[in-house]
Amino acid sequence: METAFMFLAFLGGVAIAFQIGINSQLKSWLNHPLQASLISFTVGAISLFFYNIVLRLKWPEISQLAKAPWWVWIGGVLGSFYVFTTVYLSSKLEATLLLGLIIFGQMLVALILDHYGLFGFTQDRINFLKVLGVIFMVLGLVLLKKN
């Protein structure tokens, strides 16, 4: 089952690479990265709404939502920031460097999230091999930039 989850994560990465390129083209039609980001995010939200309808998922009660900690509500803000930054930067950086920097940022923060078991992640202490893996990613970014 873990292999299936890993493959799904890989497909998520593939989707992100395509999303950046597609949103970049949307930006060129609209002439502003903020508008392209808004349309992309809106289409995504509408898609998720219909997925919920098709799957007949039960909507949570307002009282249940009110019990959630304040910080769970900023996920959408972080997602919109991500979409905007990729749309904005797609014409300023090549795809490999842009995605490499995104992945580096994700890995750096992921080390901390795993180390402390934050936000529901399984606690998995930072060790030498993990730090070495991130260092290799930085070396890869340097090689990409030297091109």
Protein backbone atom coordinates (compact mmCIF):
# COMPACT_ATOMS: atom_id res chain seq x y z
CA MET A 1 0.00 0.00 0.00
CA GLU A 2 2.88 2.36 0.72
CA THR A 3 3.99 2.00 -2.92
CA ALA A 4 0.56 3.17 -4.08
CA PHE A 5 0.77 6.18 -1.75
CA MET A 6 4.24 6.99 -3.04
CA PHE A 7 3.02 6.77 -6.63
CA LEU A 8 0.09 9.06 -5.80
CA ALA A 9 2.56 11.57 -4.29
CA PHE A 10 4.62 11.33 -7.49
CA LEU A 11 1.49 12.06 -9.55
CA GLY A 12 0.84 15.08 -7.32
CA GLY A 13 4.29 16.35 -8.23
CA VAL A 14 3.58 15.77 -11.93
CA ALA A 15 0.33 17.70 -11.57
CA ILE A 16 2.13 20.62 -9.91
CA ALA A 17 4.62 20.88 -12.77
CA PHE A 18 1.79 20.97 -15.32
CA GLN A 19 -0.23 23.36 -13.13
CA ILE A 20 2.57 25.91 -13.10
CA GLY A 21 2.89 25.86 -16.89
CA ILE A 22 -0.85 26.00 -17.48
CA ASN A 23 -1.33 28.83 -14.96
CA SER A 24 1.55 30.69 -16.60
CA GLN A 25 -0.29 30.53 -19.91
CA LEU A 26 -3.48 31.73 -18.20
CA LYS A 27 -1.49 34.69 -16.85
CA SER A 28 -0.37 35.61 -20.37
CA TRP A 29 -4.02 35.70 -21.50
CA LEU A 30 -5.13 37.79 -18.52
CA ASN A 31 -2.02 39.96 -18.21
CA HIS A 32 -1.85 39.70 -14.41
CA PRO A 33 -0.61 36.90 -12.14
CA LEU A 34 -3.09 37.73 -9.38
CA GLN A 35 -6.10 37.35 -11.69
CA ALA A 36 -4.72 34.10 -13.12
CA SER A 37 -4.20 32.81 -9.57
CA LEU A 38 -7.75 33.75 -8.60
CA ILE A 39 -9.26 31.99 -11.61
CA SER A 40 -7.09 28.90 -11.07
CA PHE A 41 -8.01 28.72 -7.39
CA THR A 42 -11.70 29.33 -8.13
CA VAL A 43 -11.82 26.56 -10.75
CA GLY A 44 -10.08 24.27 -8.25
CA ALA A 45 -12.58 25.15 -5.51
CA ILE A 46 -15.53 24.53 -7.84
CA SER A 47 -14.02 21.18 -8.84
CA LEU A 48 -13.66 20.17 -5.19
CA PHE A 49 -17.24 21.24 -4.51
CA PHE A 50 -18.52 18.96 -7.27
CA TYR A 51 -16.29 16.07 -6.10
CA ASN A 52 -17.95 16.39 -2.70
CA ILE A 53 -21.40 16.32 -4.32
CA VAL A 54 -20.60 13.32 -6.55
CA LEU A 55 -19.16 11.37 -3.61
CA ARG A 56 -22.17 12.38 -1.47
CA LEU A 57 -19.97 13.42 1.41
CA LYS A 58 -21.80 14.64 4.48
CA TRP A 59 -21.12 18.29 5.26
CA PRO A 60 -19.86 18.98 8.79
CA GLU A 61 -21.99 20.82 11.31
CA ILE A 62 -21.08 24.46 12.04
CA SER A 63 -20.56 23.54 15.69
CA GLN A 64 -17.98 20.94 14.64
CA LEU A 65 -16.16 23.50 12.48
CA ALA A 66 -16.14 25.98 15.37
CA LYS A 67 -14.14 23.51 17.49
CA ALA A 68 -11.20 23.49 15.07
CA PRO A 69 -8.10 25.48 16.08
CA TRP A 70 -7.67 28.85 14.35
CA TRP A 71 -4.60 27.80 12.37
CA VAL A 72 -6.40 25.09 10.34
CA TRP A 73 -8.11 27.86 8.39
CA ILE A 74 -4.91 29.26 6.88
CA GLY A 75 -4.29 26.27 4.58
CA GLY A 76 -6.26 27.95 1.79
CA VAL A 77 -4.28 31.16 2.26
CA LEU A 78 -1.02 29.21 1.97
CA GLY A 79 -2.37 27.41 -1.11
CA SER A 80 -3.32 30.67 -2.78
CA PHE A 81 0.11 32.12 -1.95
CA TYR A 82 1.73 29.08 -3.55
CA VAL A 83 -0.38 29.38 -6.71
CA PHE A 84 0.29 33.12 -6.96
CA THR A 85 4.06 32.78 -6.47
CA THR A 86 4.31 30.06 -9.11
CA VAL A 87 2.22 32.06 -11.57
CA TYR A 88 4.28 35.18 -10.90
CA LEU A 89 7.67 33.47 -11.02
CA SER A 90 6.99 31.18 -13.99
CA SER A 91 8.06 33.90 -16.43
CA LYS A 92 11.08 34.84 -14.32
CA LEU A 93 12.65 31.42 -13.60
CA GLU A 94 12.87 28.28 -15.71
CA ALA A 95 10.66 25.38 -14.64
CA THR A 96 13.47 23.20 -13.25
CA LEU A 97 14.90 25.93 -11.04
CA LEU A 98 11.46 27.11 -9.90
CA LEU A 99 10.32 23.60 -8.99
CA GLY A 100 13.72 22.81 -7.47
CA LEU A 101 13.45 25.80 -5.16
CA ILE A 102 9.87 24.90 -4.27
CA ILE A 103 10.90 21.34 -3.42
CA PHE A 104 13.90 22.60 -1.42
CA GLY A 105 11.60 24.83 0.64
CA GLN A 106 9.23 21.92 1.17
CA MET A 107 12.02 19.57 2.24
CA LEU A 108 13.57 22.06 4.64
CA VAL A 109 10.26 22.67 6.41
CA ALA A 110 9.34 18.96 6.20
CA LEU A 111 12.46 18.09 8.21
CA ILE A 112 11.21 20.33 11.01
CA LEU A 113 7.61 19.13 10.77
CA ASP A 114 8.72 15.49 10.96
CA HIS A 115 11.30 16.10 13.69
CA TYR A 116 8.70 17.55 16.02
CA GLY A 117 5.67 15.66 14.69
CA LEU A 118 3.84 18.92 13.97
CA PHE A 119 0.40 19.24 12.33
CA GLY A 120 -0.34 15.52 12.58
CA PHE A 121 2.82 14.23 10.89
CA THR A 122 4.45 11.17 12.41
CA GLN A 123 7.42 12.18 14.50
CA ASP A 124 10.63 11.17 12.76
CA ARG A 125 13.82 12.73 14.12
CA ILE A 126 16.27 14.62 11.90
CA ASN A 127 19.41 12.60 11.28
CA PHE A 128 22.61 12.90 9.30
CA LEU A 129 21.28 11.11 6.19
CA LYS A 130 18.23 13.36 5.97
CA VAL A 131 20.36 16.49 6.29
CA LEU A 132 22.74 15.05 3.69
CA GLY A 133 19.78 14.48 1.34
CA VAL A 134 18.79 18.15 1.67
CA ILE A 135 22.41 19.21 1.11
CA PHE A 136 22.41 17.16 -2.11
CA MET A 137 19.24 18.99 -3.14
CA VAL A 138 21.02 22.31 -2.61
CA LEU A 139 23.94 21.06 -4.71
CA GLY A 140 21.43 20.08 -7.40
CA LEU A 141 20.01 23.61 -7.33
CA VAL A 142 23.50 25.05 -7.70
CA LEU A 143 24.07 22.79 -10.72
CA LEU A 144 20.75 23.85 -12.23
CA LYS A 145 21.64 27.52 -11.79
CA LYS A 146 25.15 27.09 -13.27
CA ASN A 147 23.59 26.06 -16.58
